[in-house]
Amino acid sequence: MNIKPSSILLLSALATASPAGAEAGENISSIEQIGADQTAEIVQQGANPMNDARLRQSGAGNEASLTQDGAETANRARIDQDGTANTAVIGQTGVSLSNEAEIVQTGQHNSASVAQSGDGNANIAAILQQGGLNSASIHQHAAADPAIRRNIAAISQNGDGNSADVVQDGTGHEADILQDGSGNEATIKQSDSDQQAILNQFGDNNSWTIDQSGPAGGLTVEQFGSGGGVIITQF
């Protein structure tokens, strides 16, 4: 899979943060499905030191849902889907130490969504898609100490339908979208206050929007090729 370096770094950070094994009071869940008409759901709740969930699907139908809600908890979630219809949802809420979510999809219909909210120090999310109709969305909201809270998002899409979305609320934002092929569309919206945004598009129909509100700022945009289209607003 052709993944941009920033996504690799983010994936690396998520991987190294994962626990080697369960300790007292932790919720550790794992599901693997191989075969045709899959569907899977993991729900983790409670005041635990950690909620950690992994869900892997390979085969035809695919669908996956992963929900984490806790108090004083580190929420970590990953969904891998390899093979055709694909759909994935991760939701993380609660007064958490951190929310970390990752969705990786390879093969055909694709669709992915991450929603992170609640009082927490960091929301970190990555969506990686390759092949087919694609669509991705990350929404992050945090309400912790502005000195330390971060919203960090990365989306990478290579192939066909494409569409991407990042919406962030709160302080200390970062956002990152790369699209490399065919349909393309991308949106980054960030609200007060530290915003940064990077949006790269290289192929075909293109269309992008960056909306930042501030006092801070920061912006990088690249586009090579085809349809074009631009809206940028910064205050």
C-alpha atoms as a PDB file:
ATOM      1  CA  MET A   1       0.000   0.000   0.000  1.00  0.00           C
ATOM      2  CA  ASN A   2       1.247   3.406  -0.926  1.00  0.00           C
ATOM      3  CA  ILE A   3       0.967   5.422   2.294  1.00  0.00           C
ATOM      4  CA  LYS A   4       2.348   8.857   2.929  1.00  0.00           C
ATOM      5  CA  PRO A   5       5.077   9.218   5.584  1.00  0.00           C
ATOM      6  CA  SER A   6       2.933  11.174   8.060  1.00  0.00           C
ATOM      7  CA  SER A   7       0.417   8.338   8.105  1.00  0.00           C
ATOM      8  CA  ILE A   8       3.198   5.817   8.660  1.00  0.00           C
ATOM      9  CA  LEU A   9       4.409   7.808  11.655  1.00  0.00           C
ATOM     10  CA  LEU A  10       0.905   8.011  13.074  1.00  0.00           C
ATOM     11  CA  LEU A  11       0.343   4.285  12.588  1.00  0.00           C
ATOM     12  CA  SER A  12       3.688   3.641  14.233  1.00  0.00           C
ATOM     13  CA  ALA A  13       2.716   5.712  17.241  1.00  0.00           C
ATOM     14  CA  LEU A  14      -0.552   3.827  17.590  1.00  0.00           C
ATOM     15  CA  ALA A  15       1.193   0.479  17.293  1.00  0.00           C
ATOM     16  CA  THR A  16       3.875   1.178  19.884  1.00  0.00           C
ATOM     17  CA  ALA A  17       1.262   2.406  22.328  1.00  0.00           C
ATOM     18  CA  SER A  18      -0.552  -0.952  22.325  1.00  0.00           C
ATOM     19  CA  PRO A  19      -0.194  -3.183  25.369  1.00  0.00           C
ATOM     20  CA  ALA A  20       1.622  -6.509  25.270  1.00  0.00           C
ATOM     21  CA  GLY A  21      -1.031  -8.141  27.469  1.00  0.00           C
ATOM     22  CA  ALA A  22      -3.977  -7.412  29.730  1.00  0.00           C
ATOM     23  CA  GLU A  23      -3.432  -6.026  33.205  1.00  0.00           C
ATOM     24  CA  ALA A  24      -5.924  -5.879  36.069  1.00  0.00           C
ATOM     25  CA  GLY A  25      -9.052  -3.916  35.222  1.00  0.00           C
ATOM     26  CA  GLU A  26      -8.282  -3.618  31.507  1.00  0.00           C
ATOM     27  CA  ASN A  27     -10.740  -4.440  28.726  1.00  0.00           C
ATOM     28  CA  ILE A  28      -8.910  -6.270  25.941  1.00  0.00           C
ATOM     29  CA  SER A  29     -10.981  -7.573  23.017  1.00  0.00           C
ATOM     30  CA  SER A  30     -10.073  -9.147  19.699  1.00  0.00           C
ATOM     31  CA  ILE A  31     -12.173 -10.547  16.838  1.00  0.00           C
ATOM     32  CA  GLU A  32     -10.940 -12.078  13.588  1.00  0.00           C
ATOM     33  CA  GLN A  33     -13.291 -13.122  10.808  1.00  0.00           C
ATOM     34  CA  ILE A  34     -12.363 -14.919   7.615  1.00  0.00           C
ATOM     35  CA  GLY A  35     -15.136 -15.697   5.182  1.00  0.00           C
ATOM     36  CA  ALA A  36     -18.079 -14.338   3.311  1.00  0.00           C
ATOM     37  CA  ASP A  37     -20.906 -12.462   5.066  1.00  0.00           C
ATOM     38  CA  GLN A  38     -19.123 -11.055   8.112  1.00  0.00           C
ATOM     39  CA  THR A  39     -20.446  -8.645  10.693  1.00  0.00           C
ATOM     40  CA  ALA A  40     -18.834  -7.839  14.034  1.00  0.00           C
ATOM     41  CA  GLU A  41     -19.336  -5.522  16.988  1.00  0.00           C
ATOM     42  CA  ILE A  42     -17.228  -4.781  20.062  1.00  0.00           C
ATOM     43  CA  VAL A  43     -18.481  -2.598  22.921  1.00  0.00           C
ATOM     44  CA  GLN A  44     -16.220  -1.654  25.840  1.00  0.00           C
ATOM     45  CA  GLN A  45     -17.424   0.406  28.796  1.00  0.00           C
ATOM     46  CA  GLY A  46     -16.477   1.244  32.351  1.00  0.00           C
ATOM     47  CA  ALA A  47     -13.853   2.971  34.473  1.00  0.00           C
ATOM     48  CA  ASN A  48     -10.859   0.902  33.383  1.00  0.00           C
ATOM     49  CA  PRO A  49      -7.198   1.823  32.951  1.00  0.00           C
ATOM     50  CA  MET A  50      -7.489   0.810  29.297  1.00  0.00           C
ATOM     51  CA  ASN A  51      -9.980  -0.226  26.633  1.00  0.00           C
ATOM     52  CA  ASP A  52      -8.144  -1.992  23.818  1.00  0.00           C
ATOM     53  CA  ALA A  53      -9.959  -3.566  20.870  1.00  0.00           C
ATOM     54  CA  ARG A  54      -8.827  -5.117  17.579  1.00  0.00           C
ATOM     55  CA  LEU A  55     -11.133  -6.290  14.816  1.00  0.00           C
ATOM     56  CA  ARG A  56      -9.885  -7.936  11.642  1.00  0.00           C
ATOM     57  CA  GLN A  57     -11.993  -9.048   8.698  1.00  0.00           C
ATOM     58  CA  SER A  58     -11.003 -10.605   5.397  1.00  0.00           C
ATOM     59  CA  GLY A  59     -13.443 -11.932   2.860  1.00  0.00           C
ATOM     60  CA  ALA A  60     -16.576 -10.656   1.183  1.00  0.00           C
ATOM     61  CA  GLY A  61     -19.432  -8.921   3.077  1.00  0.00           C
ATOM     62  CA  ASN A  62     -17.542  -7.178   5.909  1.00  0.00           C
ATOM     63  CA  GLU A  63     -19.027  -4.701   8.357  1.00  0.00           C
ATOM     64  CA  ALA A  64     -17.600  -3.692  11.682  1.00  0.00           C
ATOM     65  CA  SER A  65     -18.499  -1.554  14.667  1.00  0.00           C
ATOM     66  CA  LEU A  66     -16.325  -0.720  17.649  1.00  0.00           C
ATOM     67  CA  THR A  67     -17.475   1.423  20.586  1.00  0.00           C
ATOM     68  CA  GLN A  68     -15.447   2.498  23.611  1.00  0.00           C
ATOM     69  CA  ASP A  69     -16.702   4.585  26.532  1.00  0.00           C
ATOM     70  CA  GLY A  70     -14.844   5.006  29.817  1.00  0.00           C
ATOM     71  CA  ALA A  71     -13.739   7.280  32.631  1.00  0.00           C
ATOM     72  CA  GLU A  72     -10.021   7.949  33.231  1.00  0.00           C
ATOM     73  CA  THR A  73      -9.370   5.454  30.467  1.00  0.00           C
ATOM     74  CA  ALA A  74      -7.068   5.104  27.486  1.00  0.00           C
ATOM     75  CA  ASN A  75      -9.188   4.028  24.512  1.00  0.00           C
ATOM     76  CA  ARG A  76      -7.364   2.224  21.694  1.00  0.00           C
ATOM     77  CA  ALA A  77      -9.099   0.714  18.696  1.00  0.00           C
ATOM     78  CA  ARG A  78      -8.137  -0.732  15.339  1.00  0.00           C
ATOM     79  CA  ILE A  79     -10.188  -2.208  12.504  1.00  0.00           C
ATOM     80  CA  ASP A  80      -8.578  -3.979   9.536  1.00  0.00           C
ATOM     81  CA  GLN A  81     -10.690  -4.955   6.540  1.00  0.00           C
ATOM     82  CA  ASP A  82      -9.322  -6.726   3.505  1.00  0.00           C
ATOM     83  CA  GLY A  83     -11.813  -7.742   0.859  1.00  0.00           C
ATOM     84  CA  THR A  84     -14.747  -6.487  -0.803  1.00  0.00           C
ATOM     85  CA  ALA A  85     -17.813  -4.712   0.577  1.00  0.00           C
ATOM     86  CA  ASN A  86     -16.191  -3.151   3.705  1.00  0.00           C
ATOM     87  CA  THR A  87     -17.704  -0.723   6.194  1.00  0.00           C
ATOM     88  CA  ALA A  88     -16.234   0.287   9.530  1.00  0.00           C
ATOM     89  CA  VAL A  89     -17.200   2.521  12.434  1.00  0.00           C
ATOM     90  CA  ILE A  90     -15.226   3.435  15.549  1.00  0.00           C
ATOM     91  CA  GLY A  91     -16.774   5.549  18.300  1.00  0.00           C
ATOM     92  CA  GLN A  92     -14.830   6.680  21.355  1.00  0.00           C
ATOM     93  CA  THR A  93     -16.327   8.770  24.161  1.00  0.00           C
ATOM     94  CA  GLY A  94     -15.940   9.496  27.860  1.00  0.00           C
ATOM     95  CA  VAL A  95     -13.593  11.276  30.228  1.00  0.00           C
ATOM     96  CA  SER A  96     -10.594   9.500  28.767  1.00  0.00           C
ATOM     97  CA  LEU A  97      -6.853   9.878  29.044  1.00  0.00           C
ATOM     98  CA  SER A  98      -6.629   9.481  25.278  1.00  0.00           C
ATOM     99  CA  ASN A  99      -8.602   8.234  22.274  1.00  0.00           C
ATOM    100  CA  GLU A 100      -6.647   6.397  19.588  1.00  0.00           C
ATOM    101  CA  ALA A 101      -8.363   4.929  16.543  1.00  0.00           C
ATOM    102  CA  GLU A 102      -7.218   3.402  13.290  1.00  0.00           C
ATOM    103  CA  ILE A 103      -9.086   1.956  10.315  1.00  0.00           C
ATOM    104  CA  VAL A 104      -7.313   0.229   7.429  1.00  0.00           C
ATOM    105  CA  GLN A 105      -9.316  -0.887   4.398  1.00  0.00           C
ATOM    106  CA  THR A 106      -8.089  -2.622   1.283  1.00  0.00           C
ATOM    107  CA  GLY A 107     -10.503  -3.644  -1.427  1.00  0.00           C
ATOM    108  CA  GLN A 108     -13.566  -2.463  -3.124  1.00  0.00           C
ATOM    109  CA  HIS A 109     -16.578  -0.684  -1.677  1.00  0.00           C
ATOM    110  CA  ASN A 110     -14.902   0.803   1.407  1.00  0.00           C
ATOM    111  CA  SER A 111     -16.338   3.325   3.839  1.00  0.00           C
ATOM    112  CA  ALA A 112     -14.975   4.337   7.196  1.00  0.00           C
ATOM    113  CA  SER A 113     -15.859   6.619  10.050  1.00  0.00           C
ATOM    114  CA  VAL A 114     -14.220   7.648  13.313  1.00  0.00           C
ATOM    115  CA  ALA A 115     -15.937   9.751  15.985  1.00  0.00           C
ATOM    116  CA  GLN A 116     -14.028  10.837  19.083  1.00  0.00           C
ATOM    117  CA  SER A 117     -15.456  13.027  21.815  1.00  0.00           C
ATOM    118  CA  GLY A 118     -15.369  13.760  25.531  1.00  0.00           C
ATOM    119  CA  ASP A 119     -12.901  15.282  27.957  1.00  0.00           C
ATOM    120  CA  GLY A 120      -9.471  13.969  27.104  1.00  0.00           C
ATOM    121  CA  ASN A 121      -5.868  14.892  26.528  1.00  0.00           C
ATOM    122  CA  ALA A 122      -5.571  13.604  22.970  1.00  0.00           C
ATOM    123  CA  ASN A 123      -7.698  12.391  20.081  1.00  0.00           C
ATOM    124  CA  ILE A 124      -5.634  10.539  17.491  1.00  0.00           C
ATOM    125  CA  ALA A 125      -7.197   8.954  14.414  1.00  0.00           C
ATOM    126  CA  ALA A 126      -6.038   7.480  11.112  1.00  0.00           C
ATOM    127  CA  ILE A 127      -7.981   6.105   8.150  1.00  0.00           C
ATOM    128  CA  LEU A 128      -6.166   4.360   5.297  1.00  0.00           C
ATOM    129  CA  GLN A 129      -8.008   3.186   2.213  1.00  0.00           C
ATOM    130  CA  GLN A 130      -6.845   1.610  -1.006  1.00  0.00           C
ATOM    131  CA  GLY A 131      -9.033   0.492  -3.864  1.00  0.00           C
ATOM    132  CA  GLY A 132     -12.646   0.922  -4.891  1.00  0.00           C
ATOM    133  CA  LEU A 133     -15.325   3.427  -4.041  1.00  0.00           C
ATOM    134  CA  ASN A 134     -13.716   4.789  -0.842  1.00  0.00           C
ATOM    135  CA  SER A 135     -15.103   7.325   1.602  1.00  0.00           C
ATOM    136  CA  ALA A 136     -13.691   8.412   4.922  1.00  0.00           C
ATOM    137  CA  SER A 137     -14.677  10.662   7.775  1.00  0.00           C
ATOM    138  CA  ILE A 138     -12.985  11.685  11.010  1.00  0.00           C
ATOM    139  CA  HIS A 139     -14.681  13.858  13.592  1.00  0.00           C
ATOM    140  CA  GLN A 140     -12.834  14.877  16.754  1.00  0.00           C
ATOM    141  CA  HIS A 141     -13.923  16.937  19.704  1.00  0.00           C
ATOM    142  CA  ALA A 142     -12.099  17.408  23.003  1.00  0.00           C
ATOM    143  CA  ALA A 143     -12.676  19.549  26.058  1.00  0.00           C
ATOM    144  CA  ALA A 144      -9.596  19.182  28.193  1.00  0.00           C
ATOM    145  CA  ASP A 145      -6.842  21.559  29.286  1.00  0.00           C
ATOM    146  CA  PRO A 146      -6.053  23.606  26.162  1.00  0.00           C
ATOM    147  CA  ALA A 147      -2.341  23.495  27.013  1.00  0.00           C
ATOM    148  CA  ILE A 148      -2.172  19.740  26.415  1.00  0.00           C
ATOM    149  CA  ARG A 149      -5.138  18.553  24.388  1.00  0.00           C
ATOM    150  CA  ARG A 150      -4.537  17.569  20.791  1.00  0.00           C
ATOM    151  CA  ASN A 151      -6.716  16.511  17.876  1.00  0.00           C
ATOM    152  CA  ILE A 152      -4.623  14.672  15.325  1.00  0.00           C
ATOM    153  CA  ALA A 153      -6.088  13.145  12.183  1.00  0.00           C
ATOM    154  CA  ALA A 154      -4.686  11.507   9.057  1.00  0.00           C
ATOM    155  CA  ILE A 155      -6.508  10.161   6.020  1.00  0.00           C
ATOM    156  CA  SER A 156      -4.860   8.440   3.075  1.00  0.00           C
ATOM    157  CA  GLN A 157      -6.785   7.307  -0.003  1.00  0.00           C
ATOM    158  CA  ASN A 158      -5.369   5.713  -3.127  1.00  0.00           C
ATOM    159  CA  GLY A 159      -7.809   4.655  -5.790  1.00  0.00           C
ATOM    160  CA  ASP A 160     -11.052   5.367  -7.548  1.00  0.00           C
ATOM    161  CA  GLY A 161     -14.149   6.886  -5.850  1.00  0.00           C
ATOM    162  CA  ASN A 162     -12.458   8.805  -3.018  1.00  0.00           C
ATOM    163  CA  SER A 163     -13.959  11.355  -0.664  1.00  0.00           C
ATOM    164  CA  ALA A 164     -12.585  12.476   2.656  1.00  0.00           C
ATOM    165  CA  ASP A 165     -13.663  14.555   5.609  1.00  0.00           C
ATOM    166  CA  VAL A 166     -12.018  15.850   8.751  1.00  0.00           C
ATOM    167  CA  VAL A 167     -13.921  17.974  11.251  1.00  0.00           C
ATOM    168  CA  GLN A 168     -12.225  19.118  14.444  1.00  0.00           C
ATOM    169  CA  ASP A 169     -13.395  21.184  17.405  1.00  0.00           C
ATOM    170  CA  GLY A 170     -11.279  22.463  20.247  1.00  0.00           C
ATOM    171  CA  THR A 171      -7.675  23.475  20.761  1.00  0.00           C
ATOM    172  CA  GLY A 172      -4.419  22.118  19.332  1.00  0.00           C
ATOM    173  CA  HIS A 173      -5.622  20.752  16.011  1.00  0.00           C
ATOM    174  CA  GLU A 174      -3.737  19.023  13.255  1.00  0.00           C
ATOM    175  CA  ALA A 175      -5.218  17.518  10.120  1.00  0.00           C
ATOM    176  CA  ASP A 176      -3.919  15.716   7.099  1.00  0.00           C
ATOM    177  CA  ILE A 177      -5.520  14.364   3.919  1.00  0.00           C
ATOM    178  CA  LEU A 178      -3.832  12.732   0.943  1.00  0.00           C
ATOM    179  CA  GLN A 179      -5.742  11.577  -2.141  1.00  0.00           C
ATOM    180  CA  ASP A 180      -4.113   9.985  -5.126  1.00  0.00           C
ATOM    181  CA  GLY A 181      -6.512   8.932  -7.858  1.00  0.00           C
ATOM    182  CA  SER A 182      -9.752   9.470  -9.726  1.00  0.00           C
ATOM    183  CA  GLY A 183     -12.927  10.931  -8.108  1.00  0.00           C
ATOM    184  CA  ASN A 184     -11.342  12.855  -5.218  1.00  0.00           C
ATOM    185  CA  GLU A 185     -12.968  15.352  -2.883  1.00  0.00           C
ATOM    186  CA  ALA A 186     -11.643  16.496   0.444  1.00  0.00           C
ATOM    187  CA  THR A 187     -12.774  18.709   3.301  1.00  0.00           C
ATOM    188  CA  ILE A 188     -10.916  19.893   6.396  1.00  0.00           C
ATOM    189  CA  LYS A 189     -12.753  22.078   8.897  1.00  0.00           C
ATOM    190  CA  GLN A 190     -11.094  23.209  12.079  1.00  0.00           C
ATOM    191  CA  SER A 191     -12.269  25.587  14.762  1.00  0.00           C
ATOM    192  CA  ASP A 192     -10.420  27.530  17.463  1.00  0.00           C
ATOM    193  CA  SER A 193      -7.527  27.660  18.031  1.00  0.00           C
ATOM    194  CA  ASP A 194      -4.172  26.110  16.975  1.00  0.00           C
ATOM    195  CA  GLN A 195      -5.206  24.713  13.590  1.00  0.00           C
ATOM    196  CA  GLN A 196      -2.882  23.241  11.047  1.00  0.00           C
ATOM    197  CA  ALA A 197      -3.974  21.626   7.802  1.00  0.00           C
ATOM    198  CA  ILE A 198      -2.267  19.725   5.023  1.00  0.00           C
ATOM    199  CA  LEU A 199      -4.212  18.604   1.976  1.00  0.00           C
ATOM    200  CA  ASN A 200      -2.585  16.813  -0.958  1.00  0.00           C
ATOM    201  CA  GLN A 201      -4.339  15.716  -4.150  1.00  0.00           C
ATOM    202  CA  PHE A 202      -2.598  14.352  -7.199  1.00  0.00           C
ATOM    203  CA  GLY A 203      -5.136  12.853  -9.595  1.00  0.00           C
ATOM    204  CA  ASP A 204      -8.169  13.566 -11.689  1.00  0.00           C
ATOM    205  CA  ASN A 205     -11.415  15.237 -10.710  1.00  0.00           C
ATOM    206  CA  ASN A 206     -10.307  16.958  -7.477  1.00  0.00           C
ATOM    207  CA  SER A 207     -12.252  19.368  -5.303  1.00  0.00           C
ATOM    208  CA  TRP A 208     -11.183  20.584  -1.905  1.00  0.00           C
ATOM    209  CA  THR A 209     -12.275  22.802   0.935  1.00  0.00           C
ATOM    210  CA  ILE A 210     -10.300  24.001   3.935  1.00  0.00           C
ATOM    211  CA  ASP A 211     -12.124  26.068   6.519  1.00  0.00           C
ATOM    212  CA  GLN A 212     -10.127  27.247   9.524  1.00  0.00           C
ATOM    213  CA  SER A 213     -11.114  29.594  12.257  1.00  0.00           C
ATOM    214  CA  GLY A 214      -8.676  30.939  14.564  1.00  0.00           C
ATOM    215  CA  PRO A 215      -6.467  32.887  16.102  1.00  0.00           C
ATOM    216  CA  ALA A 216      -3.673  30.494  15.138  1.00  0.00           C
ATOM    217  CA  GLY A 217      -3.389  29.019  11.623  1.00  0.00           C
ATOM    218  CA  GLY A 218      -1.126  27.172   9.237  1.00  0.00           C
ATOM    219  CA  LEU A 219      -1.903  25.734   5.829  1.00  0.00           C
ATOM    220  CA  THR A 220      -0.321  23.527   3.168  1.00  0.00           C
ATOM    221  CA  VAL A 221      -2.038  22.559  -0.070  1.00  0.00           C
ATOM    222  CA  GLU A 222      -0.755  20.618  -3.072  1.00  0.00           C
ATOM    223  CA  GLN A 223      -2.637  19.716  -6.207  1.00  0.00           C
ATOM    224  CA  PHE A 224      -1.377  18.340  -9.495  1.00  0.00           C
ATOM    225  CA  GLY A 225      -3.801  17.486 -12.217  1.00  0.00           C
ATOM    226  CA  SER A 226      -7.221  17.457 -13.766  1.00  0.00           C
ATOM    227  CA  GLY A 227     -10.517  18.917 -12.519  1.00  0.00           C
ATOM    228  CA  GLY A 228      -9.315  21.230  -9.746  1.00  0.00           C
ATOM    229  CA  GLY A 229     -11.566  23.315  -7.501  1.00  0.00           C
ATOM    230  CA  VAL A 230     -10.797  25.380  -4.410  1.00  0.00           C
ATOM    231  CA  ILE A 231     -12.401  26.931  -1.323  1.00  0.00           C
ATOM    232  CA  ILE A 232     -10.174  28.188   1.505  1.00  0.00           C
ATOM    233  CA  THR A 233     -11.374  30.295   4.405  1.00  0.00           C
ATOM    234  CA  GLN A 234      -9.195  31.389   7.332  1.00  0.00           C
ATOM    235  CA  PHE A 235     -10.037  33.873  10.053  1.00  0.00           C
END
